[in-house]
């Protein structure tokens, strides 16, 4: 992110074939590599699905890890949702 930034969520567009059961972990932190688990996403996913995560974090670094998937891992897009200014 370049500097500590307050965010209130993430939106991830899935690029996956074949569809199936997946487990993704979102990590964030002020140092690299990020180590704080912000969210864990488990479920059936397919190409074009949108995964949304809500929260209130101040991070400089983000990492998306795929722990389980029936296919190769890719994202069509990942959008960081910035928190409104105080």
PDB file of N, CA and C in Angstrom:
ATOM      1  N   UNK A   1       0.828  -1.175   0.000  1.00  0.00           N
ATOM      2  CA  UNK A   1       0.000   0.000   0.000  1.00  0.00           C
ATOM      3  C   UNK A   1       0.883   1.253   0.000  1.00  0.00           C
ATOM      4  N   UNK A   2       2.163   1.138   0.289  1.00  0.00           N
ATOM      5  CA  UNK A   2       3.059   2.284   0.300  1.00  0.00           C
ATOM      6  C   UNK A   2       3.187   2.932   1.667  1.00  0.00           C
ATOM      7  N   UNK A   3       2.119   2.909   2.450  1.00  0.00           N
ATOM      8  CA  UNK A   3       2.101   3.485   3.795  1.00  0.00           C
ATOM      9  C   UNK A   3       0.952   2.819   4.549  1.00  0.00           C
ATOM     10  N   UNK A   4       0.968   2.874   5.882  1.00  0.00           N
ATOM     11  CA  UNK A   4      -0.169   2.325   6.620  1.00  0.00           C
ATOM     12  C   UNK A   4      -1.472   2.979   6.141  1.00  0.00           C
ATOM     13  N   UNK A   5      -2.443   2.145   5.800  1.00  0.00           N
ATOM     14  CA  UNK A   5      -3.700   2.604   5.214  1.00  0.00           C
ATOM     15  C   UNK A   5      -4.857   1.895   5.902  1.00  0.00           C
ATOM     16  N   UNK A   6      -5.878   2.662   6.250  1.00  0.00           N
ATOM     17  CA  UNK A   6      -7.061   2.065   6.862  1.00  0.00           C
ATOM     18  C   UNK A   6      -7.984   1.559   5.761  1.00  0.00           C
ATOM     19  N   UNK A   7      -8.319   0.269   5.840  1.00  0.00           N
ATOM     20  CA  UNK A   7      -9.220  -0.323   4.852  1.00  0.00           C
ATOM     21  C   UNK A   7     -10.403  -0.950   5.577  1.00  0.00           C
ATOM     22  N   UNK A   8     -11.524  -1.042   4.875  1.00  0.00           N
ATOM     23  CA  UNK A   8     -12.691  -1.677   5.505  1.00  0.00           C
ATOM     24  C   UNK A   8     -13.195  -2.879   4.726  1.00  0.00           C
ATOM     25  N   UNK A   9     -12.378  -3.379   3.801  1.00  0.00           N
ATOM     26  CA  UNK A   9     -12.775  -4.603   3.128  1.00  0.00           C
ATOM     27  C   UNK A   9     -11.972  -4.875   1.877  1.00  0.00           C
ATOM     28  N   UNK A  10     -12.257  -6.047   1.315  1.00  0.00           N
ATOM     29  CA  UNK A  10     -11.646  -6.485   0.069  1.00  0.00           C
ATOM     30  C   UNK A  10     -12.715  -7.135  -0.785  1.00  0.00           C
ATOM     31  N   UNK A  11     -12.550  -7.034  -2.088  1.00  0.00           N
ATOM     32  CA  UNK A  11     -13.427  -7.709  -3.037  1.00  0.00           C
ATOM     33  C   UNK A  11     -12.509  -8.450  -4.013  1.00  0.00           C
ATOM     34  N   UNK A  12     -12.708  -9.773  -4.129  1.00  0.00           N
ATOM     35  CA  UNK A  12     -11.849 -10.610  -4.958  1.00  0.00           C
ATOM     36  C   UNK A  12     -12.689 -11.323  -6.009  1.00  0.00           C
ATOM     37  N   UNK A  13     -12.306 -11.195  -7.290  1.00  0.00           N
ATOM     38  CA  UNK A  13     -13.008 -11.851  -8.392  1.00  0.00           C
ATOM     39  C   UNK A  13     -12.253 -13.129  -8.748  1.00  0.00           C
ATOM     40  N   UNK A  14     -12.951 -14.271  -8.662  1.00  0.00           N
ATOM     41  CA  UNK A  14     -12.350 -15.591  -8.826  1.00  0.00           C
ATOM     42  C   UNK A  14     -12.104 -15.912 -10.306  1.00  0.00           C
ATOM     43  N   UNK A  15     -10.905 -16.445 -10.594  1.00  0.00           N
ATOM     44  CA  UNK A  15     -10.567 -17.003 -11.895  1.00  0.00           C
ATOM     45  C   UNK A  15     -10.165 -18.446 -11.629  1.00  0.00           C
ATOM     46  N   UNK A  16     -11.100 -19.365 -11.807  1.00  0.00           N
ATOM     47  CA  UNK A  16     -10.871 -20.763 -11.410  1.00  0.00           C
ATOM     48  C   UNK A  16     -11.584 -21.718 -12.354  1.00  0.00           C
ATOM     49  N   UNK A  17     -10.859 -22.754 -12.795  1.00  0.00           N
ATOM     50  CA  UNK A  17     -11.460 -23.804 -13.603  1.00  0.00           C
ATOM     51  C   UNK A  17     -10.637 -25.076 -13.405  1.00  0.00           C
ATOM     52  N   UNK A  18     -11.192 -26.123 -12.880  1.00  0.00           N
ATOM     53  CA  UNK A  18     -12.609 -26.358 -12.636  1.00  0.00           C
ATOM     54  C   UNK A  18     -13.082 -25.733 -11.325  1.00  0.00           C
ATOM     55  N   UNK A  19     -14.412 -25.548 -11.185  1.00  0.00           N
ATOM     56  CA  UNK A  19     -14.960 -25.059  -9.929  1.00  0.00           C
ATOM     57  C   UNK A  19     -14.800 -26.113  -8.833  1.00  0.00           C
ATOM     58  N   UNK A  20     -14.929 -25.681  -7.603  1.00  0.00           N
ATOM     59  CA  UNK A  20     -14.845 -26.633  -6.497  1.00  0.00           C
ATOM     60  C   UNK A  20     -14.608 -25.958  -5.172  1.00  0.00           C
ATOM     61  N   UNK A  21     -14.302 -26.769  -4.192  1.00  0.00           N
ATOM     62  CA  UNK A  21     -14.102 -26.312  -2.823  1.00  0.00           C
ATOM     63  C   UNK A  21     -12.742 -25.625  -2.679  1.00  0.00           C
ATOM     64  N   UNK A  22     -12.745 -24.416  -2.110  1.00  0.00           N
ATOM     65  CA  UNK A  22     -11.497 -23.672  -1.921  1.00  0.00           C
ATOM     66  C   UNK A  22     -11.399 -23.139  -0.502  1.00  0.00           C
ATOM     67  N   UNK A  23     -10.170 -22.839  -0.115  1.00  0.00           N
ATOM     68  CA  UNK A  23      -9.872 -22.234   1.179  1.00  0.00           C
ATOM     69  C   UNK A  23      -8.813 -21.174   0.930  1.00  0.00           C
ATOM     70  N   UNK A  24      -9.179 -19.909   1.185  1.00  0.00           N
ATOM     71  CA  UNK A  24      -8.265 -18.779   1.000  1.00  0.00           C
ATOM     72  C   UNK A  24      -8.076 -18.083   2.348  1.00  0.00           C
ATOM     73  N   UNK A  25      -6.878 -17.588   2.565  1.00  0.00           N
ATOM     74  CA  UNK A  25      -6.554 -16.849   3.793  1.00  0.00           C
ATOM     75  C   UNK A  25      -6.039 -15.471   3.387  1.00  0.00           C
ATOM     76  N   UNK A  26      -6.584 -14.427   4.010  1.00  0.00           N
ATOM     77  CA  UNK A  26      -6.142 -13.050   3.772  1.00  0.00           C
ATOM     78  C   UNK A  26      -5.283 -12.627   4.958  1.00  0.00           C
ATOM     79  N   UNK A  27      -4.057 -12.214   4.660  1.00  0.00           N
ATOM     80  CA  UNK A  27      -3.130 -11.750   5.696  1.00  0.00           C
ATOM     81  C   UNK A  27      -2.854 -10.273   5.488  1.00  0.00           C
ATOM     82  N   UNK A  28      -2.633  -9.557   6.576  1.00  0.00           N
ATOM     83  CA  UNK A  28      -2.305  -8.143   6.494  1.00  0.00           C
ATOM     84  C   UNK A  28      -1.357  -7.764   7.615  1.00  0.00           C
ATOM     85  N   UNK A  29      -0.749  -6.601   7.482  1.00  0.00           N
ATOM     86  CA  UNK A  29       0.141  -6.131   8.535  1.00  0.00           C
ATOM     87  C   UNK A  29       0.858  -4.863   8.140  1.00  0.00           C
ATOM     88  N   UNK A  30       1.593  -4.347   9.091  1.00  0.00           N
ATOM     89  CA  UNK A  30       2.363  -3.128   8.872  1.00  0.00           C
ATOM     90  C   UNK A  30       3.782  -3.426   8.408  1.00  0.00           C
ATOM     91  N   UNK A  31       4.210  -4.701   8.521  1.00  0.00           N
ATOM     92  CA  UNK A  31       5.541  -5.108   8.085  1.00  0.00           C
ATOM     93  C   UNK A  31       5.412  -6.243   7.064  1.00  0.00           C
ATOM     94  N   UNK A  32       6.477  -6.443   6.311  1.00  0.00           N
ATOM     95  CA  UNK A  32       6.495  -7.494   5.294  1.00  0.00           C
ATOM     96  C   UNK A  32       7.390  -8.633   5.763  1.00  0.00           C
ATOM     97  N   UNK A  33       6.945  -9.860   5.646  1.00  0.00           N
ATOM     98  CA  UNK A  33       5.654 -10.298   5.121  1.00  0.00           C
ATOM     99  C   UNK A  33       4.551 -10.129   6.162  1.00  0.00           C
ATOM    100  N   UNK A  34       3.310  -9.869   5.711  1.00  0.00           N
ATOM    101  CA  UNK A  34       2.205  -9.711   6.661  1.00  0.00           C
ATOM    102  C   UNK A  34       1.884 -11.041   7.343  1.00  0.00           C
ATOM    103  N   UNK A  35       1.570 -10.990   8.637  1.00  0.00           N
ATOM    104  CA  UNK A  35       1.340 -12.228   9.390  1.00  0.00           C
ATOM    105  C   UNK A  35      -0.014 -12.276  10.095  1.00  0.00           C
ATOM    106  N   UNK A  36      -0.728 -11.176  10.170  1.00  0.00           N
ATOM    107  CA  UNK A  36      -2.018 -11.180  10.864  1.00  0.00           C
ATOM    108  C   UNK A  36      -3.106 -11.732   9.938  1.00  0.00           C
ATOM    109  N   UNK A  37      -3.821 -12.748  10.409  1.00  0.00           N
ATOM    110  CA  UNK A  37      -4.914 -13.320   9.618  1.00  0.00           C
ATOM    111  C   UNK A  37      -6.116 -12.372   9.726  1.00  0.00           C
ATOM    112  N   UNK A  38      -6.488 -11.767   8.601  1.00  0.00           N
ATOM    113  CA  UNK A  38      -7.624 -10.848   8.569  1.00  0.00           C
ATOM    114  C   UNK A  38      -8.922 -11.595   8.303  1.00  0.00           C
ATOM    115  N   UNK A  39      -8.850 -12.653   7.487  1.00  0.00           N
ATOM    116  CA  UNK A  39     -10.058 -13.409   7.145  1.00  0.00           C
ATOM    117  C   UNK A  39      -9.663 -14.755   6.561  1.00  0.00           C
ATOM    118  N   UNK A  40     -10.582 -15.711   6.694  1.00  0.00           N
ATOM    119  CA  UNK A  40     -10.453 -17.006   6.035  1.00  0.00           C
ATOM    120  C   UNK A  40     -11.742 -17.268   5.273  1.00  0.00           C
ATOM    121  N   UNK A  41     -11.615 -17.661   4.032  1.00  0.00           N
ATOM    122  CA  UNK A  41     -12.768 -17.879   3.154  1.00  0.00           C
ATOM    123  C   UNK A  41     -12.774 -19.333   2.704  1.00  0.00           C
ATOM    124  N   UNK A  42     -13.852 -20.046   3.050  1.00  0.00           N
ATOM    125  CA  UNK A  42     -14.011 -21.448   2.656  1.00  0.00           C
ATOM    126  C   UNK A  42     -15.331 -21.596   1.927  1.00  0.00           C
ATOM    127  N   UNK A  43     -15.335 -22.366   0.860  1.00  0.00           N
ATOM    128  CA  UNK A  43     -16.590 -22.628   0.172  1.00  0.00           C
ATOM    129  C   UNK A  43     -16.378 -23.082  -1.252  1.00  0.00           C
ATOM    130  N   UNK A  44     -17.498 -23.304  -1.917  1.00  0.00           N
ATOM    131  CA  UNK A  44     -17.484 -23.685  -3.327  1.00  0.00           C
ATOM    132  C   UNK A  44     -17.336 -22.407  -4.154  1.00  0.00           C
ATOM    133  N   UNK A  45     -16.368 -22.395  -5.047  1.00  0.00           N
ATOM    134  CA  UNK A  45     -16.155 -21.231  -5.895  1.00  0.00           C
ATOM    135  C   UNK A  45     -16.016 -21.656  -7.349  1.00  0.00           C
ATOM    136  N   UNK A  46     -16.315 -20.703  -8.228  1.00  0.00           N
ATOM    137  CA  UNK A  46     -16.229 -20.931  -9.671  1.00  0.00           C
ATOM    138  C   UNK A  46     -15.836 -19.631 -10.351  1.00  0.00           C
ATOM    139  N   UNK A  47     -15.433 -19.739 -11.607  1.00  0.00           N
ATOM    140  CA  UNK A  47     -15.021 -18.566 -12.373  1.00  0.00           C
ATOM    141  C   UNK A  47     -16.081 -17.474 -12.287  1.00  0.00           C
ATOM    142  N   UNK A  48     -15.643 -16.246 -12.022  1.00  0.00           N
ATOM    143  CA  UNK A  48     -16.534 -15.091 -11.998  1.00  0.00           C
ATOM    144  C   UNK A  48     -17.166 -14.806 -10.654  1.00  0.00           C
ATOM    145  N   UNK A  49     -17.067 -15.731  -9.688  1.00  0.00           N
ATOM    146  CA  UNK A  49     -17.603 -15.448  -8.353  1.00  0.00           C
ATOM    147  C   UNK A  49     -16.875 -14.256  -7.751  1.00  0.00           C
ATOM    148  N   UNK A  50     -17.562 -13.546  -6.883  1.00  0.00           N
ATOM    149  CA  UNK A  50     -16.961 -12.430  -6.159  1.00  0.00           C
ATOM    150  C   UNK A  50     -16.977 -12.774  -4.680  1.00  0.00           C
ATOM    151  N   UNK A  51     -15.790 -12.772  -4.079  1.00  0.00           N
ATOM    152  CA  UNK A  51     -15.660 -13.004  -2.647  1.00  0.00           C
ATOM    153  C   UNK A  51     -15.480 -11.650  -1.974  1.00  0.00           C
ATOM    154  N   UNK A  52     -16.242 -11.406  -0.905  1.00  0.00           N
ATOM    155  CA  UNK A  52     -16.153 -10.125  -0.207  1.00  0.00           C
ATOM    156  C   UNK A  52     -15.779 -10.348   1.244  1.00  0.00           C
ATOM    157  N   UNK A  53     -14.908  -9.486   1.738  1.00  0.00           N
ATOM    158  CA  UNK A  53     -14.455  -9.527   3.120  1.00  0.00           C
ATOM    159  C   UNK A  53     -14.645  -8.136   3.692  1.00  0.00           C
ATOM    160  N   UNK A  54     -15.293  -8.050   4.847  1.00  0.00           N
ATOM    161  CA  UNK A  54     -15.477  -6.763   5.525  1.00  0.00           C
ATOM    162  C   UNK A  54     -14.667  -6.762   6.813  1.00  0.00           C
ATOM    163  N   UNK A  55     -14.177  -5.606   7.182  1.00  0.00           N
ATOM    164  CA  UNK A  55     -13.417  -5.474   8.416  1.00  0.00           C
ATOM    165  C   UNK A  55     -13.019  -4.024   8.626  1.00  0.00           C
ATOM    166  N   UNK A  56     -12.163  -3.819   9.567  1.00  0.00           N
ATOM    167  CA  UNK A  56     -11.618  -2.482   9.839  1.00  0.00           C
ATOM    168  C   UNK A  56     -10.175  -2.681  10.262  1.00  0.00           C
ATOM    169  N   UNK A  57      -9.259  -2.531   9.301  1.00  0.00           N
ATOM    170  CA  UNK A  57      -7.853  -2.797   9.552  1.00  0.00           C
ATOM    171  C   UNK A  57      -6.997  -1.638   9.067  1.00  0.00           C
ATOM    172  N   UNK A  58      -5.857  -1.473   9.706  1.00  0.00           N
ATOM    173  CA  UNK A  58      -4.833  -0.569   9.211  1.00  0.00           C
ATOM    174  C   UNK A  58      -3.653  -1.448   8.815  1.00  0.00           C
ATOM    175  N   UNK A  59      -3.340  -1.447   7.531  1.00  0.00           N
ATOM    176  CA  UNK A  59      -2.301  -2.319   6.988  1.00  0.00           C
ATOM    177  C   UNK A  59      -1.442  -1.549   5.991  1.00  0.00           C
ATOM    178  N   UNK A  60      -0.254  -2.048   5.792  1.00  0.00           N
ATOM    179  CA  UNK A  60       0.587  -1.563   4.704  1.00  0.00           C
ATOM    180  C   UNK A  60       0.759  -2.657   3.651  1.00  0.00           C
ATOM    181  N   UNK A  61       0.732  -3.900   4.113  1.00  0.00           N
ATOM    182  CA  UNK A  61       0.931  -5.047   3.229  1.00  0.00           C
ATOM    183  C   UNK A  61      -0.263  -5.988   3.319  1.00  0.00           C
ATOM    184  N   UNK A  62      -0.638  -6.562   2.187  1.00  0.00           N
ATOM    185  CA  UNK A  62      -1.701  -7.563   2.107  1.00  0.00           C
ATOM    186  C   UNK A  62      -1.180  -8.773   1.343  1.00  0.00           C
ATOM    187  N   UNK A  63      -1.712  -9.935   1.713  1.00  0.00           N
ATOM    188  CA  UNK A  63      -1.342 -11.162   1.008  1.00  0.00           C
ATOM    189  C   UNK A  63      -2.564 -12.064   0.953  1.00  0.00           C
ATOM    190  N   UNK A  64      -2.818 -12.644  -0.209  1.00  0.00           N
ATOM    191  CA  UNK A  64      -3.888 -13.627  -0.372  1.00  0.00           C
ATOM    192  C   UNK A  64      -3.220 -14.974  -0.591  1.00  0.00           C
ATOM    193  N   UNK A  65      -3.479 -15.913   0.309  1.00  0.00           N
ATOM    194  CA  UNK A  65      -2.942 -17.261   0.184  1.00  0.00           C
ATOM    195  C   UNK A  65      -4.080 -18.221  -0.148  1.00  0.00           C
ATOM    196  N   UNK A  66      -3.874 -19.089  -1.102  1.00  0.00           N
ATOM    197  CA  UNK A  66      -4.837 -20.153  -1.360  1.00  0.00           C
ATOM    198  C   UNK A  66      -4.266 -21.418  -0.746  1.00  0.00           C
ATOM    199  N   UNK A  67      -4.991 -21.948   0.241  1.00  0.00           N
ATOM    200  CA  UNK A  67      -4.547 -23.117   0.982  1.00  0.00           C
ATOM    201  C   UNK A  67      -5.022 -24.394   0.303  1.00  0.00           C
ATOM    202  N   UNK A  68      -6.262 -24.371  -0.222  1.00  0.00           N
ATOM    203  CA  UNK A  68      -6.820 -25.539  -0.915  1.00  0.00           C
ATOM    204  C   UNK A  68      -7.586 -25.079  -2.146  1.00  0.00           C
ATOM    205  N   UNK A  69      -7.419 -25.818  -3.242  1.00  0.00           N
ATOM    206  CA  UNK A  69      -8.147 -25.527  -4.473  1.00  0.00           C
ATOM    207  C   UNK A  69      -8.057 -26.725  -5.401  1.00  0.00           C
ATOM    208  N   UNK A  70      -9.106 -27.009  -6.177  1.00  0.00           N
ATOM    209  CA  UNK A  70      -9.042 -28.117  -7.133  1.00  0.00           C
ATOM    210  C   UNK A  70      -8.331 -27.727  -8.430  1.00  0.00           C
ATOM    211  N   UNK A  71      -7.886 -26.477  -8.532  1.00  0.00           N
ATOM    212  CA  UNK A  71      -7.297 -26.014  -9.786  1.00  0.00           C
ATOM    213  C   UNK A  71      -6.165 -25.041  -9.501  1.00  0.00           C
ATOM    214  N   UNK A  72      -5.570 -24.530 -10.566  1.00  0.00           N
ATOM    215  CA  UNK A  72      -4.577 -23.476 -10.445  1.00  0.00           C
ATOM    216  C   UNK A  72      -5.224 -22.257  -9.800  1.00  0.00           C
ATOM    217  N   UNK A  73      -4.422 -21.344  -9.324  1.00  0.00           N
ATOM    218  CA  UNK A  73      -4.928 -20.192  -8.582  1.00  0.00           C
ATOM    219  C   UNK A  73      -4.667 -18.912  -9.369  1.00  0.00           C
ATOM    220  N   UNK A  74      -5.713 -18.113  -9.526  1.00  0.00           N
ATOM    221  CA  UNK A  74      -5.582 -16.802 -10.159  1.00  0.00           C
ATOM    222  C   UNK A  74      -6.759 -15.939  -9.726  1.00  0.00           C
ATOM    223  N   UNK A  75      -6.625 -14.651  -9.915  1.00  0.00           N
ATOM    224  CA  UNK A  75      -7.702 -13.703  -9.600  1.00  0.00           C
ATOM    225  C   UNK A  75      -7.910 -12.813 -10.815  1.00  0.00           C
ATOM    226  N   UNK A  76      -9.168 -12.593 -11.176  1.00  0.00           N
ATOM    227  CA  UNK A  76      -9.470 -11.646 -12.252  1.00  0.00           C
ATOM    228  C   UNK A  76      -9.171 -10.233 -11.796  1.00  0.00           C
ATOM    229  N   UNK A  77      -9.459  -9.966 -10.504  1.00  0.00           N
ATOM    230  CA  UNK A  77      -9.208  -8.640  -9.937  1.00  0.00           C
ATOM    231  C   UNK A  77      -9.297  -8.739  -8.425  1.00  0.00           C
ATOM    232  N   UNK A  78      -8.576  -7.876  -7.743  1.00  0.00           N
ATOM    233  CA  UNK A  78      -8.669  -7.731  -6.295  1.00  0.00           C
ATOM    234  C   UNK A  78      -8.797  -6.240  -6.013  1.00  0.00           C
ATOM    235  N   UNK A  79      -9.851  -5.863  -5.323  1.00  0.00           N
ATOM    236  CA  UNK A  79     -10.088  -4.457  -5.019  1.00  0.00           C
ATOM    237  C   UNK A  79      -9.997  -4.244  -3.515  1.00  0.00           C
ATOM    238  N   UNK A  80      -9.178  -3.292  -3.105  1.00  0.00           N
ATOM    239  CA  UNK A  80      -9.054  -2.913  -1.695  1.00  0.00           C
ATOM    240  C   UNK A  80     -10.042  -1.775  -1.453  1.00  0.00           C
ATOM    241  N   UNK A  81     -10.915  -1.958  -0.458  1.00  0.00           N
ATOM    242  CA  UNK A  81     -11.920  -0.951  -0.148  1.00  0.00           C
ATOM    243  C   UNK A  81     -11.396  -0.054   0.963  1.00  0.00           C
ATOM    244  N   UNK A  82     -11.107   1.183   0.624  1.00  0.00           N
ATOM    245  CA  UNK A  82     -10.562   2.120   1.593  1.00  0.00           C
ATOM    246  C   UNK A  82     -11.646   2.587   2.557  1.00  0.00           C
ATOM    247  N   UNK A  83     -11.271   2.740   3.814  1.00  0.00           N
ATOM    248  CA  UNK A  83     -12.188   3.262   4.826  1.00  0.00           C
ATOM    249  C   UNK A  83     -12.369   4.750   4.596  1.00  0.00           C
ATOM    250  N   UNK A  84     -13.567   5.282   4.915  1.00  0.00           N
ATOM    251  CA  UNK A  84     -13.755   6.726   4.758  1.00  0.00           C
ATOM    252  C   UNK A  84     -12.843   7.495   5.720  1.00  0.00           C
ATOM    253  N   UNK A  85     -12.411   8.689   5.323  1.00  0.00           N
ATOM    254  CA  UNK A  85     -11.547   9.477   6.210  1.00  0.00           C
ATOM    255  C   UNK A  85     -12.285   9.830   7.504  1.00  0.00           C
ATOM    256  N   UNK A  86     -11.514   9.916   8.575  1.00  0.00           N
ATOM    257  CA  UNK A  86     -12.125  10.291   9.872  1.00  0.00           C
ATOM    258  C   UNK A  86     -12.584  11.727   9.877  1.00  0.00           C
TER     259      UNK A  86
END
